[in-house]
């Protein structure tokens, strides 16, 4: 016979090699996804911190983080205004009109 068929053991070995390659690809993709998620989370943490910093209007001092955490955790006892505001706020802010746009009147 001119072309010899591969043995079952050879086919099994090839499949195992392919399986190892696929597992390596999956691991690489999972690592990439995890890195992207961490990057987004880090950006959000920085934005939240910057927003708090700008609203506070002063430098942070020792104990500010603890006071903020206690305030946010206890806000449910005071009516849950923070939670309500965050849950009722639209997910994306409206696009602002260009500077050269004329203001709308009530008749429009």
PDB file of N, CA and C in Angstrom:
ATOM      1  N   UNK A   1       0.845  -1.165   0.000  1.00  0.00           N
ATOM      2  CA  UNK A   1       0.000   0.000   0.000  1.00  0.00           C
ATOM      3  C   UNK A   1       0.896   1.236   0.000  1.00  0.00           C
ATOM      4  N   UNK A   2       0.654   2.175  -0.917  1.00  0.00           N
ATOM      5  CA  UNK A   2       1.510   3.344  -1.073  1.00  0.00           C
ATOM      6  C   UNK A   2       1.345   4.326   0.082  1.00  0.00           C
ATOM      7  N   UNK A   3       0.136   4.550   0.466  1.00  0.00           N
ATOM      8  CA  UNK A   3      -0.096   5.466   1.587  1.00  0.00           C
ATOM      9  C   UNK A   3      -0.525   4.644   2.790  1.00  0.00           C
ATOM     10  N   UNK A   4       0.261   4.742   3.817  1.00  0.00           N
ATOM     11  CA  UNK A   4      -0.027   3.976   5.012  1.00  0.00           C
ATOM     12  C   UNK A   4      -0.962   4.782   5.908  1.00  0.00           C
ATOM     13  N   UNK A   5      -1.975   4.146   6.393  1.00  0.00           N
ATOM     14  CA  UNK A   5      -2.911   4.834   7.274  1.00  0.00           C
ATOM     15  C   UNK A   5      -2.247   5.069   8.624  1.00  0.00           C
ATOM     16  N   UNK A   6      -2.619   6.201   9.203  1.00  0.00           N
ATOM     17  CA  UNK A   6      -2.092   6.514  10.531  1.00  0.00           C
ATOM     18  C   UNK A   6      -2.682   5.537  11.537  1.00  0.00           C
ATOM     19  N   UNK A   7      -1.875   5.204  12.477  1.00  0.00           N
ATOM     20  CA  UNK A   7      -2.363   4.286  13.505  1.00  0.00           C
ATOM     21  C   UNK A   7      -3.284   5.040  14.460  1.00  0.00           C
ATOM     22  N   UNK A   8      -4.032   4.294  15.194  1.00  0.00           N
ATOM     23  CA  UNK A   8      -4.946   4.889  16.170  1.00  0.00           C
ATOM     24  C   UNK A   8      -4.149   5.687  17.202  1.00  0.00           C
ATOM     25  N   UNK A   9      -3.007   5.156  17.625  1.00  0.00           N
ATOM     26  CA  UNK A   9      -2.178   5.861  18.609  1.00  0.00           C
ATOM     27  C   UNK A   9      -1.684   7.197  18.063  1.00  0.00           C
ATOM     28  N   UNK A  10      -1.327   7.246  16.788  1.00  0.00           N
ATOM     29  CA  UNK A  10      -0.880   8.508  16.179  1.00  0.00           C
ATOM     30  C   UNK A  10      -2.024   9.515  16.136  1.00  0.00           C
ATOM     31  N   UNK A  11      -3.202   9.045  15.790  1.00  0.00           N
ATOM     32  CA  UNK A  11      -4.363   9.943  15.733  1.00  0.00           C
ATOM     33  C   UNK A  11      -4.701  10.476  17.123  1.00  0.00           C
ATOM     34  N   UNK A  12      -4.614   9.610  18.124  1.00  0.00           N
ATOM     35  CA  UNK A  12      -4.869  10.045  19.502  1.00  0.00           C
ATOM     36  C   UNK A  12      -3.844  11.101  19.914  1.00  0.00           C
ATOM     37  N   UNK A  13      -2.584  10.878  19.590  1.00  0.00           N
ATOM     38  CA  UNK A  13      -1.525  11.834  19.937  1.00  0.00           C
ATOM     39  C   UNK A  13      -1.763  13.181  19.253  1.00  0.00           C
ATOM     40  N   UNK A  14      -2.185  13.158  17.990  1.00  0.00           N
ATOM     41  CA  UNK A  14      -2.473  14.402  17.265  1.00  0.00           C
ATOM     42  C   UNK A  14      -3.645  15.149  17.909  1.00  0.00           C
ATOM     43  N   UNK A  15      -4.668  14.407  18.290  1.00  0.00           N
ATOM     44  CA  UNK A  15      -5.824  15.032  18.934  1.00  0.00           C
ATOM     45  C   UNK A  15      -5.448  15.640  20.288  1.00  0.00           C
ATOM     46  N   UNK A  16      -4.603  14.937  21.041  1.00  0.00           N
ATOM     47  CA  UNK A  16      -4.160  15.479  22.324  1.00  0.00           C
ATOM     48  C   UNK A  16      -3.356  16.759  22.123  1.00  0.00           C
ATOM     49  N   UNK A  17      -2.518  16.781  21.102  1.00  0.00           N
ATOM     50  CA  UNK A  17      -1.733  17.986  20.802  1.00  0.00           C
ATOM     51  C   UNK A  17      -2.651  19.142  20.425  1.00  0.00           C
ATOM     52  N   UNK A  18      -3.641  18.851  19.597  1.00  0.00           N
ATOM     53  CA  UNK A  18      -4.597  19.891  19.207  1.00  0.00           C
ATOM     54  C   UNK A  18      -5.377  20.379  20.430  1.00  0.00           C
ATOM     55  N   UNK A  19      -5.744  19.454  21.305  1.00  0.00           N
ATOM     56  CA  UNK A  19      -6.461  19.811  22.530  1.00  0.00           C
ATOM     57  C   UNK A  19      -5.604  20.737  23.401  1.00  0.00           C
ATOM     58  N   UNK A  20      -4.320  20.428  23.517  1.00  0.00           N
ATOM     59  CA  UNK A  20      -3.412  21.282  24.292  1.00  0.00           C
ATOM     60  C   UNK A  20      -3.304  22.673  23.676  1.00  0.00           C
ATOM     61  N   UNK A  21      -3.259  22.739  22.347  1.00  0.00           N
ATOM     62  CA  UNK A  21      -3.192  24.030  21.666  1.00  0.00           C
ATOM     63  C   UNK A  21      -4.458  24.840  21.925  1.00  0.00           C
ATOM     64  N   UNK A  22      -5.608  24.184  21.862  1.00  0.00           N
ATOM     65  CA  UNK A  22      -6.872  24.878  22.102  1.00  0.00           C
ATOM     66  C   UNK A  22      -6.968  25.366  23.550  1.00  0.00           C
ATOM     67  N   UNK A  23      -6.497  24.558  24.488  1.00  0.00           N
ATOM     68  CA  UNK A  23      -6.499  24.980  25.892  1.00  0.00           C
ATOM     69  C   UNK A  23      -5.601  26.198  26.085  1.00  0.00           C
ATOM     70  N   UNK A  24      -4.460  26.209  25.409  1.00  0.00           N
ATOM     71  CA  UNK A  24      -3.553  27.354  25.507  1.00  0.00           C
ATOM     72  C   UNK A  24      -4.199  28.605  24.915  1.00  0.00           C
ATOM     73  N   UNK A  25      -4.903  28.454  23.796  1.00  0.00           N
ATOM     74  CA  UNK A  25      -5.608  29.590  23.195  1.00  0.00           C
ATOM     75  C   UNK A  25      -6.687  30.111  24.138  1.00  0.00           C
ATOM     76  N   UNK A  26      -7.435  29.191  24.746  1.00  0.00           N
ATOM     77  CA  UNK A  26      -8.489  29.586  25.684  1.00  0.00           C
ATOM     78  C   UNK A  26      -7.892  30.341  26.873  1.00  0.00           C
ATOM     79  N   UNK A  27      -6.790  29.836  27.403  1.00  0.00           N
ATOM     80  CA  UNK A  27      -6.136  30.479  28.543  1.00  0.00           C
ATOM     81  C   UNK A  27      -5.685  31.891  28.173  1.00  0.00           C
ATOM     82  N   UNK A  28      -5.141  32.034  26.978  1.00  0.00           N
ATOM     83  CA  UNK A  28      -4.676  33.343  26.510  1.00  0.00           C
ATOM     84  C   UNK A  28      -5.850  34.310  26.358  1.00  0.00           C
ATOM     85  N   UNK A  29      -6.958  33.843  25.799  1.00  0.00           N
ATOM     86  CA  UNK A  29      -8.137  34.696  25.626  1.00  0.00           C
ATOM     87  C   UNK A  29      -8.750  35.084  26.971  1.00  0.00           C
ATOM     88  N   UNK A  30      -8.793  34.148  27.901  1.00  0.00           N
ATOM     89  CA  UNK A  30      -9.326  34.460  29.235  1.00  0.00           C
ATOM     90  C   UNK A  30      -8.452  35.510  29.931  1.00  0.00           C
ATOM     91  N   UNK A  31      -7.139  35.393  29.774  1.00  0.00           N
ATOM     92  CA  UNK A  31      -6.229  36.374  30.369  1.00  0.00           C
ATOM     93  C   UNK A  31      -6.438  37.750  29.741  1.00  0.00           C
ATOM     94  N   UNK A  32      -6.647  37.783  28.427  1.00  0.00           N
ATOM     95  CA  UNK A  32      -6.881  39.054  27.735  1.00  0.00           C
ATOM     96  C   UNK A  32      -8.187  39.690  28.212  1.00  0.00           C
ATOM     97  N   UNK A  33      -9.230  38.875  28.345  1.00  0.00           N
ATOM     98  CA  UNK A  33     -10.524  39.376  28.815  1.00  0.00           C
ATOM     99  C   UNK A  33     -10.395  39.919  30.232  1.00  0.00           C
ATOM    100  N   UNK A  34      -9.704  39.193  31.085  1.00  0.00           N
ATOM    101  CA  UNK A  34      -9.509  39.615  32.467  1.00  0.00           C
ATOM    102  C   UNK A  34      -8.740  40.934  32.529  1.00  0.00           C
ATOM    103  N   UNK A  35      -7.723  41.084  31.694  1.00  0.00           N
ATOM    104  CA  UNK A  35      -6.950  42.327  31.663  1.00  0.00           C
ATOM    105  C   UNK A  35      -7.817  43.496  31.213  1.00  0.00           C
ATOM    106  N   UNK A  36      -8.669  43.268  30.215  1.00  0.00           N
ATOM    107  CA  UNK A  36      -9.571  44.324  29.742  1.00  0.00           C
ATOM    108  C   UNK A  36     -10.563  44.724  30.833  1.00  0.00           C
ATOM    109  N   UNK A  37     -11.099  43.739  31.548  1.00  0.00           N
ATOM    110  CA  UNK A  37     -12.044  44.023  32.631  1.00  0.00           C
ATOM    111  C   UNK A  37     -11.371  44.803  33.757  1.00  0.00           C
ATOM    112  N   UNK A  38     -10.121  44.432  34.091  1.00  0.00           N
ATOM    113  CA  UNK A  38      -9.382  45.161  35.127  1.00  0.00           C
ATOM    114  C   UNK A  38      -9.131  46.604  34.703  1.00  0.00           C
ATOM    115  N   UNK A  39      -8.809  46.788  33.428  1.00  0.00           N
ATOM    116  CA  UNK A  39      -8.546  48.137  32.909  1.00  0.00           C
ATOM    117  C   UNK A  39      -9.800  49.008  33.026  1.00  0.00           C
ATOM    118  N   UNK A  40     -10.951  48.457  32.675  1.00  0.00           N
ATOM    119  CA  UNK A  40     -12.216  49.198  32.766  1.00  0.00           C
ATOM    120  C   UNK A  40     -12.532  49.509  34.229  1.00  0.00           C
ATOM    121  N   UNK A  41     -12.373  48.530  35.103  1.00  0.00           N
ATOM    122  CA  UNK A  41     -12.655  48.738  36.530  1.00  0.00           C
ATOM    123  C   UNK A  41     -11.736  49.805  37.104  1.00  0.00           C
ATOM    124  N   UNK A  42     -10.456  49.754  36.754  1.00  0.00           N
ATOM    125  CA  UNK A  42      -9.507  50.753  37.241  1.00  0.00           C
ATOM    126  C   UNK A  42      -9.905  52.147  36.779  1.00  0.00           C
ATOM    127  N   UNK A  43     -10.310  52.268  35.511  1.00  0.00           N
ATOM    128  CA  UNK A  43     -10.744  53.569  34.989  1.00  0.00           C
ATOM    129  C   UNK A  43     -11.954  54.083  35.771  1.00  0.00           C
ATOM    130  N   UNK A  44     -12.904  53.189  36.049  1.00  0.00           N
ATOM    131  CA  UNK A  44     -14.090  53.586  36.813  1.00  0.00           C
ATOM    132  C   UNK A  44     -13.717  54.025  38.231  1.00  0.00           C
ATOM    133  N   UNK A  45     -12.817  53.295  38.873  1.00  0.00           N
ATOM    134  CA  UNK A  45     -12.391  53.669  40.221  1.00  0.00           C
ATOM    135  C   UNK A  45     -11.737  55.048  40.228  1.00  0.00           C
ATOM    136  N   UNK A  46     -10.923  55.315  39.223  1.00  0.00           N
ATOM    137  CA  UNK A  46     -10.267  56.620  39.124  1.00  0.00           C
ATOM    138  C   UNK A  46     -11.299  57.715  38.896  1.00  0.00           C
ATOM    139  N   UNK A  47     -12.272  57.457  38.026  1.00  0.00           N
ATOM    140  CA  UNK A  47     -13.314  58.451  37.757  1.00  0.00           C
ATOM    141  C   UNK A  47     -14.143  58.737  39.008  1.00  0.00           C
ATOM    142  N   UNK A  48     -14.522  57.686  39.735  1.00  0.00           N
ATOM    143  CA  UNK A  48     -15.306  57.869  40.961  1.00  0.00           C
ATOM    144  C   UNK A  48     -14.490  58.664  41.977  1.00  0.00           C
ATOM    145  N   UNK A  49     -13.242  58.284  42.153  1.00  0.00           N
ATOM    146  CA  UNK A  49     -12.385  59.002  43.095  1.00  0.00           C
ATOM    147  C   UNK A  49     -12.218  60.462  42.707  1.00  0.00           C
ATOM    148  N   UNK A  50     -12.025  60.723  41.420  1.00  0.00           N
ATOM    149  CA  UNK A  50     -11.889  62.097  40.950  1.00  0.00           C
ATOM    150  C   UNK A  50     -13.154  62.903  41.168  1.00  0.00           C
ATOM    151  N   UNK A  51     -14.292  62.267  40.946  1.00  0.00           N
ATOM    152  CA  UNK A  51     -15.573  62.950  41.157  1.00  0.00           C
ATOM    153  C   UNK A  51     -15.755  63.296  42.629  1.00  0.00           C
ATOM    154  N   UNK A  52     -15.477  62.346  43.493  1.00  0.00           N
ATOM    155  CA  UNK A  52     -15.598  62.596  44.936  1.00  0.00           C
ATOM    156  C   UNK A  52     -14.646  63.711  45.347  1.00  0.00           C
ATOM    157  N   UNK A  53     -13.441  63.650  44.848  1.00  0.00           N
ATOM    158  CA  UNK A  53     -12.436  64.665  45.165  1.00  0.00           C
ATOM    159  C   UNK A  53     -12.915  66.048  44.732  1.00  0.00           C
ATOM    160  N   UNK A  54     -13.487  66.147  43.532  1.00  0.00           N
ATOM    161  CA  UNK A  54     -13.925  67.454  43.032  1.00  0.00           C
ATOM    162  C   UNK A  54     -15.124  67.984  43.815  1.00  0.00           C
ATOM    163  N   UNK A  55     -16.027  67.100  44.233  1.00  0.00           N
ATOM    164  CA  UNK A  55     -17.197  67.526  44.999  1.00  0.00           C
ATOM    165  C   UNK A  55     -16.794  67.924  46.414  1.00  0.00           C
ATOM    166  N   UNK A  56     -15.836  67.207  46.980  1.00  0.00           N
ATOM    167  CA  UNK A  56     -15.387  67.505  48.337  1.00  0.00           C
ATOM    168  C   UNK A  56     -14.789  68.907  48.405  1.00  0.00           C
ATOM    169  N   UNK A  57     -14.067  69.293  47.385  1.00  0.00           N
ATOM    170  CA  UNK A  57     -13.523  70.644  47.313  1.00  0.00           C
ATOM    171  C   UNK A  57     -12.337  70.904  48.218  1.00  0.00           C
ATOM    172  N   UNK A  58     -11.711  69.869  48.703  1.00  0.00           N
ATOM    173  CA  UNK A  58     -10.520  70.026  49.544  1.00  0.00           C
ATOM    174  C   UNK A  58      -9.702  68.746  49.452  1.00  0.00           C
ATOM    175  N   UNK A  59      -8.523  68.792  50.022  1.00  0.00           N
ATOM    176  CA  UNK A  59      -7.672  67.612  50.050  1.00  0.00           C
ATOM    177  C   UNK A  59      -8.267  66.562  50.984  1.00  0.00           C
ATOM    178  N   UNK A  60      -8.031  65.310  50.678  1.00  0.00           N
ATOM    179  CA  UNK A  60      -8.447  64.236  51.575  1.00  0.00           C
ATOM    180  C   UNK A  60      -7.579  64.285  52.827  1.00  0.00           C
ATOM    181  N   UNK A  61      -8.170  63.968  53.937  1.00  0.00           N
ATOM    182  CA  UNK A  61      -7.421  63.862  55.192  1.00  0.00           C
ATOM    183  C   UNK A  61      -7.689  62.482  55.773  1.00  0.00           C
ATOM    184  N   UNK A  62      -6.883  62.113  56.749  1.00  0.00           N
ATOM    185  CA  UNK A  62      -7.071  60.808  57.395  1.00  0.00           C
ATOM    186  C   UNK A  62      -8.506  60.670  57.882  1.00  0.00           C
ATOM    187  N   UNK A  63      -9.107  59.555  57.571  1.00  0.00           N
ATOM    188  CA  UNK A  63     -10.462  59.275  58.022  1.00  0.00           C
ATOM    189  C   UNK A  63     -11.539  59.593  56.999  1.00  0.00           C
ATOM    190  N   UNK A  64     -11.201  60.320  55.927  1.00  0.00           N
ATOM    191  CA  UNK A  64     -12.219  60.661  54.925  1.00  0.00           C
ATOM    192  C   UNK A  64     -12.795  59.420  54.251  1.00  0.00           C
ATOM    193  N   UNK A  65     -11.955  58.474  53.940  1.00  0.00           N
ATOM    194  CA  UNK A  65     -12.428  57.261  53.261  1.00  0.00           C
ATOM    195  C   UNK A  65     -13.400  56.510  54.168  1.00  0.00           C
ATOM    196  N   UNK A  66     -13.041  56.386  55.432  1.00  0.00           N
ATOM    197  CA  UNK A  66     -13.913  55.685  56.377  1.00  0.00           C
ATOM    198  C   UNK A  66     -15.238  56.419  56.543  1.00  0.00           C
ATOM    199  N   UNK A  67     -15.181  57.766  56.621  1.00  0.00           N
ATOM    200  CA  UNK A  67     -16.415  58.554  56.761  1.00  0.00           C
ATOM    201  C   UNK A  67     -17.288  58.415  55.517  1.00  0.00           C
ATOM    202  N   UNK A  68     -16.671  58.442  54.350  1.00  0.00           N
ATOM    203  CA  UNK A  68     -17.432  58.287  53.108  1.00  0.00           C
ATOM    204  C   UNK A  68     -18.075  56.904  53.045  1.00  0.00           C
ATOM    205  N   UNK A  69     -17.306  55.874  53.377  1.00  0.00           N
ATOM    206  CA  UNK A  69     -17.846  54.508  53.359  1.00  0.00           C
ATOM    207  C   UNK A  69     -19.006  54.374  54.343  1.00  0.00           C
ATOM    208  N   UNK A  70     -18.857  54.932  55.529  1.00  0.00           N
ATOM    209  CA  UNK A  70     -19.934  54.859  56.526  1.00  0.00           C
ATOM    210  C   UNK A  70     -21.162  55.618  56.040  1.00  0.00           C
ATOM    211  N   UNK A  71     -20.949  56.768  55.414  1.00  0.00           N
ATOM    212  CA  UNK A  71     -22.065  57.553  54.887  1.00  0.00           C
ATOM    213  C   UNK A  71     -22.816  56.765  53.820  1.00  0.00           C
ATOM    214  N   UNK A  72     -22.077  56.163  52.887  1.00  0.00           N
ATOM    215  CA  UNK A  72     -22.721  55.415  51.806  1.00  0.00           C
ATOM    216  C   UNK A  72     -23.415  54.162  52.331  1.00  0.00           C
ATOM    217  N   UNK A  73     -22.802  53.475  53.275  1.00  0.00           N
ATOM    218  CA  UNK A  73     -23.424  52.270  53.836  1.00  0.00           C
ATOM    219  C   UNK A  73     -24.665  52.604  54.648  1.00  0.00           C
ATOM    220  N   UNK A  74     -24.672  53.758  55.312  1.00  0.00           N
ATOM    221  CA  UNK A  74     -25.793  54.137  56.148  1.00  0.00           C
ATOM    222  C   UNK A  74     -26.870  54.911  55.420  1.00  0.00           C
ATOM    223  N   UNK A  75     -26.684  55.175  54.143  1.00  0.00           N
ATOM    224  CA  UNK A  75     -27.648  56.002  53.421  1.00  0.00           C
ATOM    225  C   UNK A  75     -29.002  55.327  53.291  1.00  0.00           C
ATOM    226  N   UNK A  76     -29.066  54.023  53.363  1.00  0.00           N
ATOM    227  CA  UNK A  76     -30.364  53.334  53.310  1.00  0.00           C
ATOM    228  C   UNK A  76     -31.231  53.705  54.513  1.00  0.00           C
ATOM    229  N   UNK A  77     -30.598  53.972  55.639  1.00  0.00           N
ATOM    230  CA  UNK A  77     -31.335  54.378  56.845  1.00  0.00           C
ATOM    231  C   UNK A  77     -31.870  55.801  56.729  1.00  0.00           C
ATOM    232  N   UNK A  78     -31.335  56.566  55.788  1.00  0.00           N
ATOM    233  CA  UNK A  78     -31.751  57.957  55.619  1.00  0.00           C
ATOM    234  C   UNK A  78     -32.600  58.138  54.365  1.00  0.00           C
ATOM    235  N   UNK A  79     -33.199  57.083  53.879  1.00  0.00           N
ATOM    236  CA  UNK A  79     -34.082  57.191  52.722  1.00  0.00           C
ATOM    237  C   UNK A  79     -33.506  56.619  51.443  1.00  0.00           C
ATOM    238  N   UNK A  80     -32.262  56.201  51.457  1.00  0.00           N
ATOM    239  CA  UNK A  80     -31.661  55.585  50.276  1.00  0.00           C
ATOM    240  C   UNK A  80     -31.564  56.513  49.080  1.00  0.00           C
ATOM    241  N   UNK A  81     -31.345  57.800  49.338  1.00  0.00           N
ATOM    242  CA  UNK A  81     -31.338  58.765  48.242  1.00  0.00           C
ATOM    243  C   UNK A  81     -30.225  58.496  47.233  1.00  0.00           C
ATOM    244  N   UNK A  82     -29.068  58.106  47.728  1.00  0.00           N
ATOM    245  CA  UNK A  82     -27.955  57.825  46.821  1.00  0.00           C
ATOM    246  C   UNK A  82     -28.294  56.651  45.907  1.00  0.00           C
ATOM    247  N   UNK A  83     -28.778  55.567  46.497  1.00  0.00           N
ATOM    248  CA  UNK A  83     -29.143  54.387  45.710  1.00  0.00           C
ATOM    249  C   UNK A  83     -30.249  54.715  44.723  1.00  0.00           C
ATOM    250  N   UNK A  84     -31.256  55.442  45.177  1.00  0.00           N
ATOM    251  CA  UNK A  84     -32.357  55.815  44.283  1.00  0.00           C
ATOM    252  C   UNK A  84     -31.860  56.678  43.135  1.00  0.00           C
ATOM    253  N   UNK A  85     -31.010  57.643  43.456  1.00  0.00           N
ATOM    254  CA  UNK A  85     -30.488  58.530  42.419  1.00  0.00           C
ATOM    255  C   UNK A  85     -29.656  57.753  41.408  1.00  0.00           C
ATOM    256  N   UNK A  86     -28.830  56.842  41.882  1.00  0.00           N
ATOM    257  CA  UNK A  86     -27.968  56.073  40.980  1.00  0.00           C
ATOM    258  C   UNK A  86     -28.780  55.099  40.129  1.00  0.00           C
ATOM    259  N   UNK A  87     -29.821  54.517  40.689  1.00  0.00           N
ATOM    260  CA  UNK A  87     -30.623  53.547  39.946  1.00  0.00           C
ATOM    261  C   UNK A  87     -31.601  54.203  38.988  1.00  0.00           C
ATOM    262  N   UNK A  88     -31.992  55.434  39.254  1.00  0.00           N
ATOM    263  CA  UNK A  88     -32.942  56.127  38.386  1.00  0.00           C
ATOM    264  C   UNK A  88     -32.263  57.024  37.367  1.00  0.00           C
ATOM    265  N   UNK A  89     -30.966  57.184  37.468  1.00  0.00           N
ATOM    266  CA  UNK A  89     -30.237  58.040  36.542  1.00  0.00           C
ATOM    267  C   UNK A  89     -30.062  57.299  35.223  1.00  0.00           C
ATOM    268  N   UNK A  90     -30.241  57.989  34.087  1.00  0.00           N
ATOM    269  CA  UNK A  90     -30.047  57.304  32.795  1.00  0.00           C
ATOM    270  C   UNK A  90     -28.619  56.789  32.680  1.00  0.00           C
ATOM    271  N   UNK A  91     -28.468  55.668  32.009  1.00  0.00           N
ATOM    272  CA  UNK A  91     -27.151  55.038  31.924  1.00  0.00           C
ATOM    273  C   UNK A  91     -26.156  55.866  31.130  1.00  0.00           C
ATOM    274  N   UNK A  92     -26.626  56.632  30.179  1.00  0.00           N
ATOM    275  CA  UNK A  92     -25.721  57.474  29.398  1.00  0.00           C
ATOM    276  C   UNK A  92     -26.263  58.898  29.400  1.00  0.00           C
ATOM    277  N   UNK A  93     -25.418  59.866  29.706  1.00  0.00           N
ATOM    278  CA  UNK A  93     -25.905  61.242  29.709  1.00  0.00           C
ATOM    279  C   UNK A  93     -26.283  61.685  28.306  1.00  0.00           C
ATOM    280  N   UNK A  94     -27.217  62.606  28.236  1.00  0.00           N
ATOM    281  CA  UNK A  94     -27.651  63.134  26.945  1.00  0.00           C
ATOM    282  C   UNK A  94     -26.499  63.891  26.306  1.00  0.00           C
ATOM    283  N   UNK A  95     -26.466  63.870  24.991  1.00  0.00           N
ATOM    284  CA  UNK A  95     -25.422  64.577  24.263  1.00  0.00           C
ATOM    285  C   UNK A  95     -25.725  66.062  24.327  1.00  0.00           C
ATOM    286  N   UNK A  96     -24.734  66.843  24.707  1.00  0.00           N
ATOM    287  CA  UNK A  96     -24.921  68.288  24.817  1.00  0.00           C
ATOM    288  C   UNK A  96     -25.001  68.907  23.428  1.00  0.00           C
ATOM    289  N   UNK A  97     -25.775  69.962  23.320  1.00  0.00           N
ATOM    290  CA  UNK A  97     -25.894  70.680  22.051  1.00  0.00           C
ATOM    291  C   UNK A  97     -24.593  71.416  21.781  1.00  0.00           C
ATOM    292  N   UNK A  98     -24.233  71.584  20.506  1.00  0.00           N
ATOM    293  CA  UNK A  98     -23.019  72.329  20.177  1.00  0.00           C
ATOM    294  C   UNK A  98     -23.115  73.760  20.697  1.00  0.00           C
ATOM    295  N   UNK A  99     -21.972  74.384  20.930  1.00  0.00           N
ATOM    296  CA  UNK A  99     -21.937  75.747  21.462  1.00  0.00           C
ATOM    297  C   UNK A  99     -22.656  76.741  20.567  1.00  0.00           C
ATOM    298  N   UNK A 100     -22.634  76.492  19.258  1.00  0.00           N
ATOM    299  CA  UNK A 100     -23.235  77.453  18.333  1.00  0.00           C
ATOM    300  C   UNK A 100     -24.721  77.192  18.101  1.00  0.00           C
ATOM    301  N   UNK A 101     -25.292  76.210  18.780  1.00  0.00           N
ATOM    302  CA  UNK A 101     -26.710  75.902  18.597  1.00  0.00           C
ATOM    303  C   UNK A 101     -27.553  76.942  19.316  1.00  0.00           C
ATOM    304  N   UNK A 102     -28.666  77.293  18.688  1.00  0.00           N
ATOM    305  CA  UNK A 102     -29.570  78.260  19.301  1.00  0.00           C
ATOM    306  C   UNK A 102     -30.422  77.546  20.346  1.00  0.00           C
ATOM    307  N   UNK A 103     -30.666  78.208  21.469  1.00  0.00           N
ATOM    308  CA  UNK A 103     -31.499  77.566  22.499  1.00  0.00           C
ATOM    309  C   UNK A 103     -32.926  77.401  22.018  1.00  0.00           C
ATOM    310  N   UNK A 104     -33.558  76.314  22.447  1.00  0.00           N
ATOM    311  CA  UNK A 104     -34.949  76.055  22.070  1.00  0.00           C
ATOM    312  C   UNK A 104     -35.876  76.870  22.950  1.00  0.00           C
ATOM    313  N   UNK A 105     -36.992  77.255  22.372  1.00  0.00           N
ATOM    314  CA  UNK A 105     -38.014  77.947  23.155  1.00  0.00           C
ATOM    315  C   UNK A 105     -39.060  76.941  23.567  1.00  0.00           C
ATOM    316  N   UNK A 106     -39.955  77.331  24.447  1.00  0.00           N
ATOM    317  CA  UNK A 106     -40.981  76.412  24.920  1.00  0.00           C
ATOM    318  C   UNK A 106     -41.943  76.022  23.812  1.00  0.00           C
ATOM    319  N   UNK A 107     -42.064  76.818  22.752  1.00  0.00           N
ATOM    320  CA  UNK A 107     -42.989  76.532  21.657  1.00  0.00           C
ATOM    321  C   UNK A 107     -42.466  75.451  20.736  1.00  0.00           C
ATOM    322  N   UNK A 108     -41.192  75.147  20.807  1.00  0.00           N
ATOM    323  CA  UNK A 108     -40.621  74.174  19.878  1.00  0.00           C
ATOM    324  C   UNK A 108     -40.884  72.769  20.314  1.00  0.00           C
TER     325      UNK A 108
END
